[in-house]
Amino acid sequence: MSDLPTTSARVGAVAIGCDLPAAPPWLDDAACLDVDTALFFSDAAAVQAVALAVCATCPVTEACWRMAVETGSTGVWGGTTHLGRRLAATGLTHCAAGHELTESTARLRSGSGSFSVGCRVCDRDRYHARGADLRRARRAAAKEATH
């Protein structure tokens, strides 16, 4: 990890998304202490994977995860992503259509200042159904036009 840019995680925890009066004492033992905090706040899956790899070596992930849940922090904390913590909080394992909800199949929907969990598989199915409906309508219109 030495090729990663460094910024104190203590400064990052206080500055980015956590309303903490001071850094928690367990942060001194965190694996991310000398890792650039921007790594933990990216939406890119590849960057999140690197952040999660740092967390996998960390002795304080439970305390870090607890703080993220208590403060509603976004980003990677305690070996989990924001979406992963939302899924765990909702207790949802499947969408209404029965698709399994995982970090790769679920998505966060925001509205009115809150978040809910949506299903990417259902989104894809609706998208393809709309396309099929459009194609059918075009064929019917073309058939009508020729008669």
N, C-alpha and C. Protein backbone atom coordinates (compact mmCIF):
# COMPACT_ATOMS: atom_id res chain seq x y z
N MET A 1 0.80 -1.20 0.00
CA MET A 1 0.00 0.00 0.00
C MET A 1 0.85 1.27 0.00
N SER A 2 2.16 1.12 0.00
CA SER A 2 3.02 2.29 0.11
C SER A 2 2.94 3.22 -1.09
N ASP A 3 2.44 2.74 -2.23
CA ASP A 3 2.34 3.61 -3.39
C ASP A 3 1.07 4.48 -3.38
N LEU A 4 0.23 4.33 -2.35
CA LEU A 4 -0.97 5.15 -2.23
C LEU A 4 -0.61 6.50 -1.61
N PRO A 5 -1.26 7.58 -2.07
CA PRO A 5 -1.02 8.87 -1.41
C PRO A 5 -1.54 8.82 0.02
N THR A 6 -0.93 9.59 0.88
CA THR A 6 -1.33 9.53 2.28
C THR A 6 -1.93 10.83 2.77
N THR A 7 -2.92 10.70 3.61
CA THR A 7 -3.55 11.78 4.33
C THR A 7 -4.03 11.16 5.63
N SER A 8 -3.89 11.80 6.71
CA SER A 8 -4.30 11.20 7.97
C SER A 8 -5.78 10.84 7.97
N ALA A 9 -6.08 9.59 8.25
CA ALA A 9 -7.48 9.15 8.32
C ALA A 9 -8.19 9.89 9.45
N ARG A 10 -7.45 10.24 10.49
CA ARG A 10 -8.05 10.97 11.60
C ARG A 10 -8.59 12.30 11.10
N VAL A 11 -7.83 13.02 10.32
CA VAL A 11 -8.30 14.28 9.75
C VAL A 11 -9.46 14.02 8.82
N GLY A 12 -9.36 12.99 7.98
CA GLY A 12 -10.42 12.66 7.03
C GLY A 12 -11.71 12.29 7.72
N ALA A 13 -11.64 11.52 8.80
CA ALA A 13 -12.85 11.08 9.51
C ALA A 13 -13.60 12.28 10.07
N VAL A 14 -12.87 13.24 10.56
CA VAL A 14 -13.52 14.41 11.13
C VAL A 14 -13.99 15.35 10.02
N ALA A 15 -13.21 15.46 8.96
CA ALA A 15 -13.51 16.43 7.92
C ALA A 15 -14.55 15.96 6.92
N ILE A 16 -14.64 14.65 6.68
CA ILE A 16 -15.52 14.16 5.61
C ILE A 16 -16.65 13.33 6.21
N GLY A 17 -17.79 13.93 6.38
CA GLY A 17 -19.00 13.17 6.67
C GLY A 17 -19.23 12.71 8.09
N CYS A 18 -18.34 12.97 9.00
CA CYS A 18 -18.56 12.53 10.37
C CYS A 18 -18.58 13.73 11.29
N ASP A 19 -19.70 13.95 11.94
CA ASP A 19 -19.81 15.05 12.89
C ASP A 19 -19.28 14.59 14.24
N LEU A 20 -17.98 14.45 14.32
CA LEU A 20 -17.35 14.01 15.56
C LEU A 20 -16.60 15.18 16.17
N PRO A 21 -16.72 15.38 17.47
CA PRO A 21 -15.99 16.47 18.10
C PRO A 21 -14.48 16.22 18.05
N ALA A 22 -14.09 14.97 18.09
CA ALA A 22 -12.67 14.60 18.04
C ALA A 22 -12.59 13.20 17.47
N ALA A 23 -11.42 12.85 17.01
CA ALA A 23 -11.24 11.51 16.44
C ALA A 23 -11.39 10.47 17.55
N PRO A 24 -12.07 9.37 17.25
CA PRO A 24 -12.22 8.32 18.27
C PRO A 24 -10.86 7.68 18.55
N PRO A 25 -10.64 7.21 19.77
CA PRO A 25 -9.33 6.65 20.12
C PRO A 25 -8.93 5.42 19.31
N TRP A 26 -9.88 4.64 18.87
CA TRP A 26 -9.55 3.43 18.12
C TRP A 26 -8.94 3.75 16.76
N LEU A 27 -9.11 4.99 16.29
CA LEU A 27 -8.61 5.37 14.97
C LEU A 27 -7.09 5.28 14.89
N ASP A 28 -6.41 5.39 16.04
CA ASP A 28 -4.95 5.26 16.06
C ASP A 28 -4.50 3.89 15.57
N ASP A 29 -5.35 2.88 15.70
CA ASP A 29 -5.01 1.52 15.29
C ASP A 29 -5.54 1.15 13.91
N ALA A 30 -6.21 2.08 13.24
CA ALA A 30 -6.85 1.79 11.95
C ALA A 30 -5.81 1.56 10.86
N ALA A 31 -6.09 0.60 9.99
CA ALA A 31 -5.21 0.31 8.85
C ALA A 31 -5.17 1.46 7.86
N CYS A 32 -6.20 2.30 7.87
CA CYS A 32 -6.29 3.41 6.91
C CYS A 32 -5.65 4.69 7.43
N LEU A 33 -5.01 4.63 8.58
CA LEU A 33 -4.49 5.83 9.21
C LEU A 33 -3.63 6.68 8.29
N ASP A 34 -2.81 6.04 7.46
CA ASP A 34 -1.92 6.79 6.57
C ASP A 34 -2.27 6.62 5.10
N VAL A 35 -3.55 6.32 4.82
CA VAL A 35 -4.02 6.15 3.45
C VAL A 35 -4.89 7.34 3.08
N ASP A 36 -4.79 7.78 1.85
CA ASP A 36 -5.58 8.92 1.38
C ASP A 36 -7.07 8.63 1.59
N THR A 37 -7.75 9.48 2.31
CA THR A 37 -9.16 9.26 2.62
C THR A 37 -10.04 9.31 1.39
N ALA A 38 -9.60 9.95 0.30
CA ALA A 38 -10.39 10.00 -0.93
C ALA A 38 -10.66 8.58 -1.45
N LEU A 39 -9.76 7.67 -1.17
CA LEU A 39 -9.92 6.27 -1.59
C LEU A 39 -11.22 5.68 -1.04
N PHE A 40 -11.64 6.12 0.12
CA PHE A 40 -12.80 5.56 0.80
C PHE A 40 -14.11 6.26 0.44
N PHE A 41 -14.05 7.26 -0.42
CA PHE A 41 -15.25 8.01 -0.77
C PHE A 41 -15.49 8.07 -2.27
N SER A 42 -15.01 7.06 -2.99
CA SER A 42 -15.19 6.98 -4.44
C SER A 42 -16.40 6.12 -4.76
N ASP A 43 -17.08 6.45 -5.85
CA ASP A 43 -18.19 5.62 -6.32
C ASP A 43 -17.72 4.54 -7.28
N ALA A 44 -16.46 4.60 -7.69
CA ALA A 44 -15.92 3.62 -8.63
C ALA A 44 -15.70 2.27 -7.93
N ALA A 45 -16.23 1.22 -8.50
CA ALA A 45 -16.14 -0.11 -7.90
C ALA A 45 -14.69 -0.54 -7.70
N ALA A 46 -13.82 -0.25 -8.65
CA ALA A 46 -12.42 -0.66 -8.54
C ALA A 46 -11.74 0.05 -7.37
N VAL A 47 -12.05 1.32 -7.17
CA VAL A 47 -11.47 2.07 -6.06
C VAL A 47 -12.04 1.57 -4.74
N GLN A 48 -13.34 1.29 -4.71
CA GLN A 48 -13.94 0.74 -3.50
C GLN A 48 -13.32 -0.60 -3.14
N ALA A 49 -12.97 -1.40 -4.16
CA ALA A 49 -12.34 -2.70 -3.91
C ALA A 49 -11.00 -2.52 -3.21
N VAL A 50 -10.25 -1.50 -3.60
CA VAL A 50 -8.97 -1.22 -2.94
C VAL A 50 -9.22 -0.79 -1.49
N ALA A 51 -10.20 0.07 -1.29
CA ALA A 51 -10.53 0.52 0.07
C ALA A 51 -10.95 -0.67 0.93
N LEU A 52 -11.77 -1.55 0.38
CA LEU A 52 -12.22 -2.74 1.12
C LEU A 52 -11.04 -3.66 1.43
N ALA A 53 -10.04 -3.71 0.54
CA ALA A 53 -8.85 -4.51 0.81
C ALA A 53 -8.07 -3.94 1.98
N VAL A 54 -8.01 -2.62 2.10
CA VAL A 54 -7.36 -1.99 3.26
C VAL A 54 -8.13 -2.38 4.52
N CYS A 55 -9.45 -2.30 4.46
CA CYS A 55 -10.29 -2.66 5.61
C CYS A 55 -10.08 -4.11 6.03
N ALA A 56 -9.83 -4.99 5.06
CA ALA A 56 -9.66 -6.41 5.36
C ALA A 56 -8.45 -6.67 6.25
N THR A 57 -7.52 -5.73 6.29
CA THR A 57 -6.33 -5.89 7.14
C THR A 57 -6.45 -5.15 8.46
N CYS A 58 -7.59 -4.54 8.71
CA CYS A 58 -7.75 -3.62 9.84
C CYS A 58 -8.25 -4.32 11.11
N PRO A 59 -7.65 -4.00 12.25
CA PRO A 59 -8.10 -4.60 13.51
C PRO A 59 -9.30 -3.90 14.16
N VAL A 60 -9.74 -2.76 13.62
CA VAL A 60 -10.80 -2.00 14.28
C VAL A 60 -12.04 -1.84 13.41
N THR A 61 -12.28 -2.79 12.51
CA THR A 61 -13.41 -2.64 11.58
C THR A 61 -14.75 -2.58 12.29
N GLU A 62 -14.91 -3.30 13.38
CA GLU A 62 -16.20 -3.30 14.07
C GLU A 62 -16.52 -1.91 14.62
N ALA A 63 -15.56 -1.28 15.26
CA ALA A 63 -15.78 0.07 15.81
C ALA A 63 -16.00 1.08 14.67
N CYS A 64 -15.27 0.90 13.60
CA CYS A 64 -15.40 1.78 12.44
C CYS A 64 -16.79 1.63 11.81
N TRP A 65 -17.23 0.40 11.64
CA TRP A 65 -18.55 0.13 11.08
C TRP A 65 -19.64 0.74 11.97
N ARG A 66 -19.51 0.54 13.28
CA ARG A 66 -20.49 1.07 14.23
C ARG A 66 -20.59 2.59 14.12
N MET A 67 -19.43 3.25 14.01
CA MET A 67 -19.44 4.71 13.88
C MET A 67 -20.14 5.13 12.59
N ALA A 68 -19.88 4.41 11.50
CA ALA A 68 -20.51 4.75 10.22
C ALA A 68 -22.02 4.60 10.30
N VAL A 69 -22.49 3.57 10.95
CA VAL A 69 -23.94 3.36 11.09
C VAL A 69 -24.54 4.44 11.97
N GLU A 70 -23.89 4.75 13.09
CA GLU A 70 -24.42 5.75 14.02
C GLU A 70 -24.45 7.15 13.42
N THR A 71 -23.47 7.47 12.57
CA THR A 71 -23.40 8.82 12.02
C THR A 71 -24.02 8.92 10.63
N GLY A 72 -24.39 7.78 10.03
CA GLY A 72 -24.97 7.79 8.68
C GLY A 72 -23.96 8.16 7.61
N SER A 73 -22.71 7.87 7.86
CA SER A 73 -21.63 8.23 6.94
C SER A 73 -21.75 7.50 5.61
N THR A 74 -21.34 8.17 4.56
CA THR A 74 -21.24 7.54 3.25
C THR A 74 -19.81 7.05 3.08
N GLY A 75 -19.56 6.31 2.02
CA GLY A 75 -18.21 5.82 1.76
C GLY A 75 -17.97 4.46 2.39
N VAL A 76 -16.73 4.01 2.30
CA VAL A 76 -16.33 2.71 2.85
C VAL A 76 -15.88 2.92 4.29
N TRP A 77 -16.52 2.21 5.20
CA TRP A 77 -16.19 2.25 6.62
C TRP A 77 -16.35 0.84 7.17
N GLY A 78 -15.42 0.41 7.99
CA GLY A 78 -15.56 -0.87 8.67
C GLY A 78 -15.70 -2.05 7.72
N GLY A 79 -15.10 -1.96 6.56
CA GLY A 79 -15.16 -3.06 5.61
C GLY A 79 -16.48 -3.17 4.86
N THR A 80 -17.28 -2.10 4.88
CA THR A 80 -18.56 -2.11 4.17
C THR A 80 -18.72 -0.82 3.37
N THR A 81 -19.49 -0.90 2.31
CA THR A 81 -19.82 0.30 1.53
C THR A 81 -21.11 0.90 2.08
N HIS A 82 -21.41 2.09 1.67
CA HIS A 82 -22.66 2.74 2.08
C HIS A 82 -23.86 1.87 1.69
N LEU A 83 -23.84 1.36 0.46
CA LEU A 83 -24.93 0.49 0.00
C LEU A 83 -25.02 -0.77 0.84
N GLY A 84 -23.88 -1.36 1.16
CA GLY A 84 -23.88 -2.57 1.99
C GLY A 84 -24.49 -2.32 3.36
N ARG A 85 -24.17 -1.17 3.95
CA ARG A 85 -24.75 -0.84 5.26
C ARG A 85 -26.24 -0.58 5.14
N ARG A 86 -26.68 0.06 4.04
CA ARG A 86 -28.12 0.29 3.83
C ARG A 86 -28.86 -1.02 3.67
N LEU A 87 -28.28 -1.94 2.90
CA LEU A 87 -28.92 -3.25 2.73
C LEU A 87 -29.05 -3.96 4.07
N ALA A 88 -27.98 -3.92 4.85
CA ALA A 88 -28.01 -4.57 6.16
C ALA A 88 -29.06 -3.91 7.07
N ALA A 89 -29.16 -2.59 7.00
CA ALA A 89 -30.11 -1.87 7.85
C ALA A 89 -31.56 -2.18 7.49
N THR A 90 -31.82 -2.37 6.19
CA THR A 90 -33.20 -2.64 5.78
C THR A 90 -33.58 -4.08 6.05
N GLY A 91 -32.58 -4.96 6.11
CA GLY A 91 -32.87 -6.38 6.29
C GLY A 91 -33.38 -7.04 5.01
N LEU A 92 -33.40 -6.29 3.91
CA LEU A 92 -33.89 -6.85 2.65
C LEU A 92 -32.87 -7.81 2.07
N THR A 93 -33.34 -8.96 1.63
CA THR A 93 -32.48 -9.91 0.95
C THR A 93 -32.92 -10.10 -0.50
N HIS A 94 -34.19 -9.78 -0.77
CA HIS A 94 -34.75 -9.92 -2.12
C HIS A 94 -35.69 -8.75 -2.40
N CYS A 95 -35.83 -8.41 -3.68
CA CYS A 95 -36.78 -7.35 -4.06
C CYS A 95 -38.18 -7.96 -4.14
N ALA A 96 -39.15 -7.13 -4.44
CA ALA A 96 -40.54 -7.59 -4.53
C ALA A 96 -40.73 -8.64 -5.62
N ALA A 97 -39.89 -8.60 -6.66
CA ALA A 97 -39.99 -9.58 -7.75
C ALA A 97 -39.22 -10.86 -7.44
N GLY A 98 -38.52 -10.88 -6.31
CA GLY A 98 -37.82 -12.09 -5.89
C GLY A 98 -36.34 -12.14 -6.25
N HIS A 99 -35.79 -11.06 -6.83
CA HIS A 99 -34.36 -11.04 -7.15
C HIS A 99 -33.56 -10.84 -5.88
N GLU A 100 -32.44 -11.56 -5.77
CA GLU A 100 -31.57 -11.40 -4.60
C GLU A 100 -30.92 -10.02 -4.63
N LEU A 101 -30.92 -9.34 -3.49
CA LEU A 101 -30.31 -8.03 -3.40
C LEU A 101 -28.91 -8.16 -2.80
N THR A 102 -27.92 -7.85 -3.61
CA THR A 102 -26.53 -7.82 -3.18
C THR A 102 -25.98 -6.45 -3.55
N GLU A 103 -24.73 -6.19 -3.21
CA GLU A 103 -24.15 -4.89 -3.57
C GLU A 103 -24.06 -4.72 -5.08
N SER A 104 -24.03 -5.81 -5.84
CA SER A 104 -23.96 -5.66 -7.30
C SER A 104 -25.35 -5.59 -7.94
N THR A 105 -26.39 -6.06 -7.26
CA THR A 105 -27.72 -6.02 -7.87
C THR A 105 -28.61 -4.94 -7.27
N ALA A 106 -28.24 -4.40 -6.12
CA ALA A 106 -29.05 -3.36 -5.48
C ALA A 106 -28.51 -1.99 -5.85
N ARG A 107 -29.34 -0.98 -5.69
CA ARG A 107 -28.91 0.40 -5.87
C ARG A 107 -29.67 1.26 -4.88
N LEU A 108 -29.08 2.40 -4.55
CA LEU A 108 -29.75 3.34 -3.66
C LEU A 108 -30.56 4.32 -4.47
N ARG A 109 -31.80 4.52 -4.07
CA ARG A 109 -32.65 5.55 -4.67
C ARG A 109 -32.78 6.65 -3.63
N SER A 110 -32.64 7.88 -4.05
CA SER A 110 -32.79 8.97 -3.09
C SER A 110 -34.00 9.80 -3.47
N GLY A 111 -34.60 10.36 -2.46
CA GLY A 111 -35.75 11.22 -2.66
C GLY A 111 -36.23 11.75 -1.34
N SER A 112 -36.60 12.98 -1.31
CA SER A 112 -37.11 13.63 -0.09
C SER A 112 -36.13 13.52 1.06
N GLY A 113 -34.84 13.56 0.76
CA GLY A 113 -33.83 13.53 1.81
C GLY A 113 -33.59 12.16 2.42
N SER A 114 -34.18 11.11 1.85
CA SER A 114 -33.95 9.77 2.39
C SER A 114 -33.53 8.83 1.27
N PHE A 115 -33.09 7.65 1.65
CA PHE A 115 -32.66 6.66 0.69
C PHE A 115 -33.53 5.42 0.80
N SER A 116 -33.76 4.78 -0.33
CA SER A 116 -34.40 3.47 -0.32
C SER A 116 -33.59 2.58 -1.26
N VAL A 117 -33.83 1.30 -1.18
CA VAL A 117 -33.07 0.35 -1.97
C VAL A 117 -33.89 -0.08 -3.18
N GLY A 118 -33.28 -0.05 -4.34
CA GLY A 118 -33.92 -0.50 -5.57
C GLY A 118 -33.19 -1.71 -6.13
N CYS A 119 -33.75 -2.32 -7.15
CA CYS A 119 -33.20 -3.54 -7.74
C CYS A 119 -32.75 -3.26 -9.18
N ARG A 120 -31.47 -3.46 -9.45
CA ARG A 120 -30.94 -3.24 -10.80
C ARG A 120 -31.49 -4.25 -11.80
N VAL A 121 -31.78 -5.47 -11.34
CA VAL A 121 -32.33 -6.49 -12.24
C VAL A 121 -33.72 -6.07 -12.70
N CYS A 122 -34.54 -5.58 -11.78
CA CYS A 122 -35.88 -5.09 -12.15
C CYS A 122 -35.76 -3.89 -13.09
N ASP A 123 -34.80 -2.98 -12.81
CA ASP A 123 -34.57 -1.83 -13.69
C ASP A 123 -34.24 -2.30 -15.10
N ARG A 124 -33.35 -3.27 -15.20
CA ARG A 124 -32.95 -3.80 -16.51
C ARG A 124 -34.14 -4.44 -17.22
N ASP A 125 -34.92 -5.24 -16.47
CA ASP A 125 -36.09 -5.89 -17.07
C ASP A 125 -37.10 -4.87 -17.58
N ARG A 126 -37.34 -3.80 -16.80
CA ARG A 126 -38.26 -2.74 -17.24
C ARG A 126 -37.73 -2.04 -18.48
N TYR A 127 -36.42 -1.79 -18.51
CA TYR A 127 -35.81 -1.14 -19.66
C TYR A 127 -36.00 -1.99 -20.92
N HIS A 128 -35.72 -3.29 -20.81
CA HIS A 128 -35.87 -4.17 -21.98
C HIS A 128 -37.34 -4.32 -22.38
N ALA A 129 -38.24 -4.35 -21.40
CA ALA A 129 -39.67 -4.45 -21.72
C ALA A 129 -40.14 -3.21 -22.46
N ARG A 130 -39.69 -2.03 -22.04
CA ARG A 130 -40.05 -0.79 -22.74
C ARG A 130 -39.54 -0.82 -24.18
N GLY A 131 -38.33 -1.31 -24.37
CA GLY A 131 -37.76 -1.41 -25.71
C GLY A 131 -38.57 -2.36 -26.58
N ALA A 132 -38.98 -3.50 -26.01
CA ALA A 132 -39.79 -4.47 -26.76
C ALA A 132 -41.14 -3.86 -27.10
N ASP A 133 -41.74 -3.13 -26.16
CA ASP A 133 -43.03 -2.47 -26.42
C ASP A 133 -42.89 -1.45 -27.54
N LEU A 134 -41.82 -0.70 -27.52
CA LEU A 134 -41.58 0.30 -28.57
C LEU A 134 -41.42 -0.37 -29.93
N ARG A 135 -40.64 -1.46 -29.96
CA ARG A 135 -40.46 -2.16 -31.23
C ARG A 135 -41.78 -2.71 -31.76
N ARG A 136 -42.61 -3.27 -30.88
CA ARG A 136 -43.92 -3.77 -31.29
C ARG A 136 -44.80 -2.65 -31.83
N ALA A 137 -44.77 -1.51 -31.16
CA ALA A 137 -45.58 -0.36 -31.60
C ALA A 137 -45.10 0.14 -32.96
N ARG A 138 -43.79 0.16 -33.16
CA ARG A 138 -43.26 0.61 -34.47
C ARG A 138 -43.67 -0.36 -35.57
N ARG A 139 -43.57 -1.67 -35.29
CA ARG A 139 -43.97 -2.66 -36.29
C ARG A 139 -45.45 -2.53 -36.62
N ALA A 140 -46.26 -2.34 -35.58
CA ALA A 140 -47.71 -2.19 -35.80
C ALA A 140 -47.99 -0.93 -36.61
N ALA A 141 -47.29 0.16 -36.31
CA ALA A 141 -47.49 1.40 -37.04
C ALA A 141 -47.05 1.24 -38.48
N ALA A 142 -45.94 0.55 -38.70
CA ALA A 142 -45.45 0.33 -40.06
C ALA A 142 -46.41 -0.54 -40.84
N LYS A 143 -46.95 -1.57 -40.16
CA LYS A 143 -47.93 -2.46 -40.80
C LYS A 143 -49.19 -1.70 -41.16
N GLU A 144 -49.65 -0.84 -40.27
CA GLU A 144 -50.84 0.00 -40.50
C GLU A 144 -50.61 0.92 -41.70
N ALA A 145 -49.41 1.48 -41.77
CA ALA A 145 -49.09 2.44 -42.83
C ALA A 145 -49.08 1.77 -44.20
N THR A 146 -48.73 0.49 -44.26
CA THR A 146 -48.68 -0.19 -45.55
C THR A 146 -50.04 -0.71 -45.99
N HIS A 147 -51.01 -0.73 -45.14
CA HIS A 147 -52.34 -1.25 -45.48
C HIS A 147 -53.32 -0.15 -45.74
